[in-house]
Amino acid sequence: LFGVMNGPLITLAHQYWRLFTPIFIHFGL
């Protein structure tokens, strides 16, 4: 919820860490 790529949250909510954190998050085994 707090780490995947999300364009609106990065650009409008200023959650810039989302440009980095998705590298370590995976959807499923």
PDB file of all heavy atoms in Angstrom:
ATOM      1  N   LEU A   1       0.823  -1.204   0.000  1.00  0.00           N
ATOM      2  CA  LEU A   1       0.000   0.000   0.000  1.00  0.00           C
ATOM      3  C   LEU A   1       0.858   1.254   0.000  1.00  0.00           C
ATOM      4  O   LEU A   1       0.530   2.251  -0.640  1.00  0.00           O
ATOM      5  CB  LEU A   1      -0.921  -0.009   1.226  1.00  0.00           C
ATOM      6  CG  LEU A   1      -1.935   1.130   1.353  1.00  0.00           C
ATOM      7  CD1 LEU A   1      -2.929   1.089   0.201  1.00  0.00           C
ATOM      8  CD2 LEU A   1      -2.655   1.049   2.685  1.00  0.00           C
ATOM      9  N   PHE A   2       1.979   1.218   0.711  1.00  0.00           N
ATOM     10  CA  PHE A   2       2.811   2.407   0.870  1.00  0.00           C
ATOM     11  C   PHE A   2       4.068   2.415  -0.008  1.00  0.00           C
ATOM     12  O   PHE A   2       4.809   3.394   0.019  1.00  0.00           O
ATOM     13  CB  PHE A   2       3.235   2.547   2.343  1.00  0.00           C
ATOM     14  CG  PHE A   2       2.107   2.823   3.273  1.00  0.00           C
ATOM     15  CD1 PHE A   2       1.593   1.817   4.077  1.00  0.00           C
ATOM     16  CD2 PHE A   2       1.533   4.081   3.334  1.00  0.00           C
ATOM     17  CE1 PHE A   2       0.537   2.073   4.944  1.00  0.00           C
ATOM     18  CE2 PHE A   2       0.472   4.335   4.194  1.00  0.00           C
ATOM     19  CZ  PHE A   2      -0.030   3.327   4.997  1.00  0.00           C
ATOM     20  N   GLY A   3       4.294   1.329  -0.793  1.00  0.00           N
ATOM     21  CA  GLY A   3       5.568   1.285  -1.494  1.00  0.00           C
ATOM     22  C   GLY A   3       5.543   1.087  -2.984  1.00  0.00           C
ATOM     23  O   GLY A   3       6.557   1.298  -3.651  1.00  0.00           O
ATOM     24  N   VAL A   4       4.417   0.669  -3.578  1.00  0.00           N
ATOM     25  CA  VAL A   4       4.407   0.378  -5.018  1.00  0.00           C
ATOM     26  C   VAL A   4       4.404   1.673  -5.821  1.00  0.00           C
ATOM     27  O   VAL A   4       4.110   2.758  -5.321  1.00  0.00           O
ATOM     28  CB  VAL A   4       3.186  -0.488  -5.414  1.00  0.00           C
ATOM     29  CG1 VAL A   4       3.204  -1.804  -4.670  1.00  0.00           C
ATOM     30  CG2 VAL A   4       1.882   0.278  -5.169  1.00  0.00           C
ATOM     31  N   MET A   5       4.709   1.541  -7.121  1.00  0.00           N
ATOM     32  CA  MET A   5       4.653   2.678  -8.038  1.00  0.00           C
ATOM     33  C   MET A   5       3.223   3.168  -8.155  1.00  0.00           C
ATOM     34  O   MET A   5       2.308   2.389  -8.434  1.00  0.00           O
ATOM     35  CB  MET A   5       5.160   2.266  -9.416  1.00  0.00           C
ATOM     36  CG  MET A   5       6.646   2.451  -9.632  1.00  0.00           C
ATOM     37  SD  MET A   5       7.136   4.203  -9.581  1.00  0.00           S
ATOM     38  CE  MET A   5       6.164   4.854 -10.917  1.00  0.00           C
ATOM     39  N   ASN A   6       3.034   4.468  -7.943  1.00  0.00           N
ATOM     40  CA  ASN A   6       1.713   5.079  -8.061  1.00  0.00           C
ATOM     41  C   ASN A   6       1.910   6.518  -8.495  1.00  0.00           C
ATOM     42  O   ASN A   6       2.303   7.364  -7.691  1.00  0.00           O
ATOM     43  CB  ASN A   6       0.963   4.988  -6.724  1.00  0.00           C
ATOM     44  CG  ASN A   6      -0.455   5.517  -6.814  1.00  0.00           C
ATOM     45  OD1 ASN A   6      -0.692   6.657  -7.188  1.00  0.00           O
ATOM     46  ND2 ASN A   6      -1.409   4.666  -6.477  1.00  0.00           N
ATOM     47  N   GLY A   7       1.671   6.794  -9.764  1.00  0.00           N
ATOM     48  CA  GLY A   7       1.949   8.105 -10.332  1.00  0.00           C
ATOM     49  C   GLY A   7       1.292   9.259  -9.601  1.00  0.00           C
ATOM     50  O   GLY A   7       1.971  10.241  -9.242  1.00  0.00           O
ATOM     51  N   PRO A   8      -0.017   9.214  -9.358  1.00  0.00           N
ATOM     52  CA  PRO A   8      -0.664  10.338  -8.675  1.00  0.00           C
ATOM     53  C   PRO A   8      -0.099  10.605  -7.281  1.00  0.00           C
ATOM     54  O   PRO A   8       0.045  11.760  -6.877  1.00  0.00           O
ATOM     55  CB  PRO A   8      -2.131   9.885  -8.609  1.00  0.00           C
ATOM     56  CG  PRO A   8      -2.301   8.964  -9.760  1.00  0.00           C
ATOM     57  CD  PRO A   8      -1.006   8.233  -9.862  1.00  0.00           C
ATOM     58  N   LEU A   9       0.216   9.535  -6.538  1.00  0.00           N
ATOM     59  CA  LEU A   9       0.749   9.732  -5.191  1.00  0.00           C
ATOM     60  C   LEU A   9       2.165  10.291  -5.210  1.00  0.00           C
ATOM     61  O   LEU A   9       2.563  11.027  -4.311  1.00  0.00           O
ATOM     62  CB  LEU A   9       0.710   8.414  -4.408  1.00  0.00           C
ATOM     63  CG  LEU A   9      -0.685   7.909  -4.027  1.00  0.00           C
ATOM     64  CD1 LEU A   9      -0.592   6.570  -3.295  1.00  0.00           C
ATOM     65  CD2 LEU A   9      -1.420   8.930  -3.171  1.00  0.00           C
ATOM     66  N   ILE A  10       2.932   9.956  -6.233  1.00  0.00           N
ATOM     67  CA  ILE A  10       4.291  10.494  -6.347  1.00  0.00           C
ATOM     68  C   ILE A  10       4.258  11.969  -6.714  1.00  0.00           C
ATOM     69  O   ILE A  10       4.933  12.798  -6.103  1.00  0.00           O
ATOM     70  CB  ILE A  10       5.105   9.700  -7.396  1.00  0.00           C
ATOM     71  CG1 ILE A  10       5.370   8.276  -6.916  1.00  0.00           C
ATOM     72  CG2 ILE A  10       6.435  10.409  -7.690  1.00  0.00           C
ATOM     73  CD1 ILE A  10       5.975   7.385  -7.971  1.00  0.00           C
ATOM     74  N   THR A  11       3.468  12.307  -7.724  1.00  0.00           N
ATOM     75  CA  THR A  11       3.503  13.667  -8.273  1.00  0.00           C
ATOM     76  C   THR A  11       2.618  14.647  -7.508  1.00  0.00           C
ATOM     77  O   THR A  11       2.958  15.831  -7.397  1.00  0.00           O
ATOM     78  CB  THR A  11       3.059  13.648  -9.739  1.00  0.00           C
ATOM     79  OG1 THR A  11       1.748  13.056  -9.840  1.00  0.00           O
ATOM     80  CG2 THR A  11       4.026  12.835 -10.583  1.00  0.00           C
ATOM     81  N   LEU A  12       1.480  14.174  -6.989  1.00  0.00           N
ATOM     82  CA  LEU A  12       0.526  15.078  -6.344  1.00  0.00           C
ATOM     83  C   LEU A  12       0.601  15.029  -4.819  1.00  0.00           C
ATOM     84  O   LEU A  12       0.382  16.039  -4.157  1.00  0.00           O
ATOM     85  CB  LEU A  12      -0.902  14.744  -6.806  1.00  0.00           C
ATOM     86  CG  LEU A  12      -1.117  14.782  -8.331  1.00  0.00           C
ATOM     87  CD1 LEU A  12      -2.527  14.364  -8.687  1.00  0.00           C
ATOM     88  CD2 LEU A  12      -0.814  16.171  -8.885  1.00  0.00           C
ATOM     89  N   ALA A  13       0.915  13.849  -4.265  1.00  0.00           N
ATOM     90  CA  ALA A  13       1.041  13.713  -2.806  1.00  0.00           C
ATOM     91  C   ALA A  13       2.496  13.742  -2.355  1.00  0.00           C
ATOM     92  O   ALA A  13       2.781  13.576  -1.165  1.00  0.00           O
ATOM     93  CB  ALA A  13       0.366  12.429  -2.344  1.00  0.00           C
ATOM     94  N   HIS A  14       3.419  13.889  -3.305  1.00  0.00           N
ATOM     95  CA  HIS A  14       4.856  14.036  -3.005  1.00  0.00           C
ATOM     96  C   HIS A  14       5.443  12.835  -2.275  1.00  0.00           C
ATOM     97  O   HIS A  14       6.328  12.986  -1.433  1.00  0.00           O
ATOM     98  CB  HIS A  14       5.111  15.310  -2.193  1.00  0.00           C
ATOM     99  CG  HIS A  14       4.473  16.532  -2.776  1.00  0.00           C
ATOM    100  ND1 HIS A  14       4.841  17.052  -4.007  1.00  0.00           N
ATOM    101  CD2 HIS A  14       3.472  17.330  -2.314  1.00  0.00           C
ATOM    102  CE1 HIS A  14       4.118  18.119  -4.271  1.00  0.00           C
ATOM    103  NE2 HIS A  14       3.266  18.311  -3.279  1.00  0.00           N
ATOM    104  N   GLN A  15       4.989  11.640  -2.611  1.00  0.00           N
ATOM    105  CA  GLN A  15       5.538  10.414  -2.012  1.00  0.00           C
ATOM    106  C   GLN A  15       6.676   9.897  -2.901  1.00  0.00           C
ATOM    107  O   GLN A  15       6.580   8.872  -3.557  1.00  0.00           O
ATOM    108  CB  GLN A  15       4.433   9.382  -1.838  1.00  0.00           C
ATOM    109  CG  GLN A  15       3.347   9.826  -0.874  1.00  0.00           C
ATOM    110  CD  GLN A  15       2.274   8.776  -0.646  1.00  0.00           C
ATOM    111  OE1 GLN A  15       2.379   7.625  -1.079  1.00  0.00           O
ATOM    112  NE2 GLN A  15       1.212   9.159   0.053  1.00  0.00           N
ATOM    113  N   TYR A  16       7.778  10.630  -2.885  1.00  0.00           N
ATOM    114  CA  TYR A  16       8.873  10.388  -3.823  1.00  0.00           C
ATOM    115  C   TYR A  16       9.595   9.067  -3.576  1.00  0.00           C
ATOM    116  O   TYR A  16      10.289   8.561  -4.458  1.00  0.00           O
ATOM    117  CB  TYR A  16       9.866  11.550  -3.778  1.00  0.00           C
ATOM    118  CG  TYR A  16       9.226  12.902  -4.017  1.00  0.00           C
ATOM    119  CD1 TYR A  16       9.342  13.919  -3.080  1.00  0.00           C
ATOM    120  CD2 TYR A  16       8.492  13.146  -5.178  1.00  0.00           C
ATOM    121  CE1 TYR A  16       8.747  15.157  -3.294  1.00  0.00           C
ATOM    122  CE2 TYR A  16       7.898  14.375  -5.402  1.00  0.00           C
ATOM    123  CZ  TYR A  16       8.026  15.377  -4.455  1.00  0.00           C
ATOM    124  OH  TYR A  16       7.425  16.591  -4.672  1.00  0.00           O
ATOM    125  N   TRP A  17       9.464   8.526  -2.361  1.00  0.00           N
ATOM    126  CA  TRP A  17      10.124   7.252  -2.070  1.00  0.00           C
ATOM    127  C   TRP A  17       9.612   6.133  -2.965  1.00  0.00           C
ATOM    128  O   TRP A  17      10.281   5.115  -3.137  1.00  0.00           O
ATOM    129  CB  TRP A  17       9.936   6.887  -0.600  1.00  0.00           C
ATOM    130  CG  TRP A  17       8.500   6.625  -0.206  1.00  0.00           C
ATOM    131  CD1 TRP A  17       7.801   5.453  -0.361  1.00  0.00           C
ATOM    132  CD2 TRP A  17       7.591   7.549   0.393  1.00  0.00           C
ATOM    133  NE1 TRP A  17       6.511   5.583   0.101  1.00  0.00           N
ATOM    134  CE2 TRP A  17       6.348   6.866   0.579  1.00  0.00           C
ATOM    135  CE3 TRP A  17       7.698   8.880   0.806  1.00  0.00           C
ATOM    136  CZ2 TRP A  17       5.240   7.477   1.146  1.00  0.00           C
ATOM    137  CZ3 TRP A  17       6.593   9.489   1.384  1.00  0.00           C
ATOM    138  CH2 TRP A  17       5.388   8.791   1.540  1.00  0.00           C
ATOM    139  N   ARG A  18       8.441   6.326  -3.559  1.00  0.00           N
ATOM    140  CA  ARG A  18       7.866   5.292  -4.423  1.00  0.00           C
ATOM    141  C   ARG A  18       8.653   5.108  -5.724  1.00  0.00           C
ATOM    142  O   ARG A  18       8.384   4.176  -6.485  1.00  0.00           O
ATOM    143  CB  ARG A  18       6.408   5.619  -4.739  1.00  0.00           C
ATOM    144  CG  ARG A  18       5.469   5.474  -3.549  1.00  0.00           C
ATOM    145  CD  ARG A  18       4.053   5.858  -3.912  1.00  0.00           C
ATOM    146  NE  ARG A  18       3.132   5.806  -2.788  1.00  0.00           N
ATOM    147  CZ  ARG A  18       2.416   4.736  -2.459  1.00  0.00           C
ATOM    148  NH1 ARG A  18       2.513   3.624  -3.178  1.00  0.00           N
ATOM    149  NH2 ARG A  18       1.597   4.763  -1.426  1.00  0.00           N
ATOM    150  N   LEU A  19       9.602   5.971  -6.010  1.00  0.00           N
ATOM    151  CA  LEU A  19      10.497   5.757  -7.156  1.00  0.00           C
ATOM    152  C   LEU A  19      11.602   4.758  -6.813  1.00  0.00           C
ATOM    153  O   LEU A  19      12.271   4.243  -7.700  1.00  0.00           O
ATOM    154  CB  LEU A  19      11.122   7.086  -7.592  1.00  0.00           C
ATOM    155  CG  LEU A  19      10.164   8.113  -8.195  1.00  0.00           C
ATOM    156  CD1 LEU A  19      10.881   9.436  -8.413  1.00  0.00           C
ATOM    157  CD2 LEU A  19       9.573   7.603  -9.507  1.00  0.00           C
ATOM    158  N   PHE A  20      11.769   4.489  -5.512  1.00  0.00           N
ATOM    159  CA  PHE A  20      12.827   3.587  -5.039  1.00  0.00           C
ATOM    160  C   PHE A  20      12.278   2.278  -4.469  1.00  0.00           C
ATOM    161  O   PHE A  20      12.755   1.182  -4.806  1.00  0.00           O
ATOM    162  CB  PHE A  20      13.667   4.309  -3.979  1.00  0.00           C
ATOM    163  CG  PHE A  20      14.703   3.452  -3.323  1.00  0.00           C
ATOM    164  CD1 PHE A  20      15.892   3.166  -3.970  1.00  0.00           C
ATOM    165  CD2 PHE A  20      14.487   2.920  -2.057  1.00  0.00           C
ATOM    166  CE1 PHE A  20      16.854   2.354  -3.364  1.00  0.00           C
ATOM    167  CE2 PHE A  20      15.433   2.122  -1.453  1.00  0.00           C
ATOM    168  CZ  PHE A  20      16.620   1.836  -2.111  1.00  0.00           C
ATOM    169  N   THR A  21      11.283   2.362  -3.616  1.00  0.00           N
ATOM    170  CA  THR A  21      10.794   1.180  -2.898  1.00  0.00           C
ATOM    171  C   THR A  21      10.236   0.061  -3.784  1.00  0.00           C
ATOM    172  O   THR A  21      10.339  -1.106  -3.386  1.00  0.00           O
ATOM    173  CB  THR A  21       9.722   1.587  -1.860  1.00  0.00           C
ATOM    174  OG1 THR A  21       8.708   2.374  -2.506  1.00  0.00           O
ATOM    175  CG2 THR A  21      10.349   2.389  -0.738  1.00  0.00           C
ATOM    176  N   PRO A  22       9.657   0.345  -4.965  1.00  0.00           N
ATOM    177  CA  PRO A  22       9.128  -0.763  -5.778  1.00  0.00           C
ATOM    178  C   PRO A  22      10.169  -1.791  -6.179  1.00  0.00           C
ATOM    179  O   PRO A  22       9.829  -2.935  -6.500  1.00  0.00           O
ATOM    180  CB  PRO A  22       8.552  -0.056  -7.015  1.00  0.00           C
ATOM    181  CG  PRO A  22       8.218   1.305  -6.545  1.00  0.00           C
ATOM    182  CD  PRO A  22       9.296   1.654  -5.560  1.00  0.00           C
ATOM    183  N   ILE A  23      11.450  -1.422  -6.152  1.00  0.00           N
ATOM    184  CA  ILE A  23      12.519  -2.348  -6.533  1.00  0.00           C
ATOM    185  C   ILE A  23      12.505  -3.594  -5.645  1.00  0.00           C
ATOM    186  O   ILE A  23      12.876  -4.684  -6.082  1.00  0.00           O
ATOM    187  CB  ILE A  23      13.898  -1.648  -6.440  1.00  0.00           C
ATOM    188  CG1 ILE A  23      13.957  -0.460  -7.395  1.00  0.00           C
ATOM    189  CG2 ILE A  23      15.036  -2.625  -6.734  1.00  0.00           C
ATOM    190  CD1 ILE A  23      15.206   0.401  -7.218  1.00  0.00           C
ATOM    191  N   PHE A  24      12.039  -3.448  -4.407  1.00  0.00           N
ATOM    192  CA  PHE A  24      12.108  -4.547  -3.434  1.00  0.00           C
ATOM    193  C   PHE A  24      10.748  -5.176  -3.141  1.00  0.00           C
ATOM    194  O   PHE A  24      10.661  -6.069  -2.305  1.00  0.00           O
ATOM    195  CB  PHE A  24      12.729  -4.034  -2.131  1.00  0.00           C
ATOM    196  CG  PHE A  24      14.125  -3.511  -2.299  1.00  0.00           C
ATOM    197  CD1 PHE A  24      14.363  -2.148  -2.390  1.00  0.00           C
ATOM    198  CD2 PHE A  24      15.197  -4.378  -2.396  1.00  0.00           C
ATOM    199  CE1 PHE A  24      15.657  -1.657  -2.564  1.00  0.00           C
ATOM    200  CE2 PHE A  24      16.482  -3.908  -2.564  1.00  0.00           C
ATOM    201  CZ  PHE A  24      16.716  -2.540  -2.658  1.00  0.00           C
ATOM    202  N   ILE A  25       9.699  -4.727  -3.830  1.00  0.00           N
ATOM    203  CA  ILE A  25       8.349  -5.246  -3.576  1.00  0.00           C
ATOM    204  C   ILE A  25       7.905  -6.140  -4.729  1.00  0.00           C
ATOM    205  O   ILE A  25       8.132  -5.806  -5.900  1.00  0.00           O
ATOM    206  CB  ILE A  25       7.354  -4.081  -3.392  1.00  0.00           C
ATOM    207  CG1 ILE A  25       7.730  -3.257  -2.150  1.00  0.00           C
ATOM    208  CG2 ILE A  25       5.922  -4.592  -3.273  1.00  0.00           C
ATOM    209  CD1 ILE A  25       6.900  -2.001  -1.977  1.00  0.00           C
ATOM    210  N   HIS A  26       7.270  -7.275  -4.398  1.00  0.00           N
ATOM    211  CA  HIS A  26       6.825  -8.215  -5.439  1.00  0.00           C
ATOM    212  C   HIS A  26       5.384  -8.634  -5.203  1.00  0.00           C
ATOM    213  O   HIS A  26       4.932  -8.754  -4.073  1.00  0.00           O
ATOM    214  CB  HIS A  26       7.740  -9.449  -5.478  1.00  0.00           C
ATOM    215  CG  HIS A  26       9.117  -9.128  -5.956  1.00  0.00           C
ATOM    216  ND1 HIS A  26      10.093  -8.654  -5.103  1.00  0.00           N
ATOM    217  CD2 HIS A  26       9.671  -9.189  -7.192  1.00  0.00           C
ATOM    218  CE1 HIS A  26      11.203  -8.448  -5.802  1.00  0.00           C
ATOM    219  NE2 HIS A  26      10.972  -8.754  -7.057  1.00  0.00           N
ATOM    220  N   PHE A  27       4.687  -8.857  -6.328  1.00  0.00           N
ATOM    221  CA  PHE A  27       3.296  -9.280  -6.286  1.00  0.00           C
ATOM    222  C   PHE A  27       3.224 -10.804  -6.409  1.00  0.00           C
ATOM    223  O   PHE A  27       3.193 -11.342  -7.503  1.00  0.00           O
ATOM    224  CB  PHE A  27       2.497  -8.643  -7.421  1.00  0.00           C
ATOM    225  CG  PHE A  27       2.471  -7.140  -7.375  1.00  0.00           C
ATOM    226  CD1 PHE A  27       2.703  -6.404  -8.522  1.00  0.00           C
ATOM    227  CD2 PHE A  27       2.193  -6.466  -6.201  1.00  0.00           C
ATOM    228  CE1 PHE A  27       2.660  -5.021  -8.494  1.00  0.00           C
ATOM    229  CE2 PHE A  27       2.148  -5.077  -6.158  1.00  0.00           C
ATOM    230  CZ  PHE A  27       2.385  -4.348  -7.311  1.00  0.00           C
ATOM    231  N   GLY A  28       3.246 -11.506  -5.318  1.00  0.00           N
ATOM    232  CA  GLY A  28       3.104 -12.951  -5.349  1.00  0.00           C
ATOM    233  C   GLY A  28       4.430 -13.686  -5.323  1.00  0.00           C
ATOM    234  O   GLY A  28       5.494 -13.149  -5.658  1.00  0.00           O
ATOM    235  N   LEU A  29       4.366 -14.968  -4.944  1.00  0.00           N
ATOM    236  CA  LEU A  29       5.559 -15.788  -4.771  1.00  0.00           C
ATOM    237  C   LEU A  29       6.264 -16.058  -6.104  1.00  0.00           C
ATOM    238  O   LEU A  29       7.497 -16.042  -6.173  1.00  0.00           O
ATOM    239  CB  LEU A  29       5.175 -17.119  -4.103  1.00  0.00           C
ATOM    240  CG  LEU A  29       6.324 -18.062  -3.754  1.00  0.00           C
ATOM    241  CD1 LEU A  29       7.307 -17.395  -2.797  1.00  0.00           C
ATOM    242  CD2 LEU A  29       5.786 -19.351  -3.140  1.00  0.00           C
TER     243      LEU A  29
END
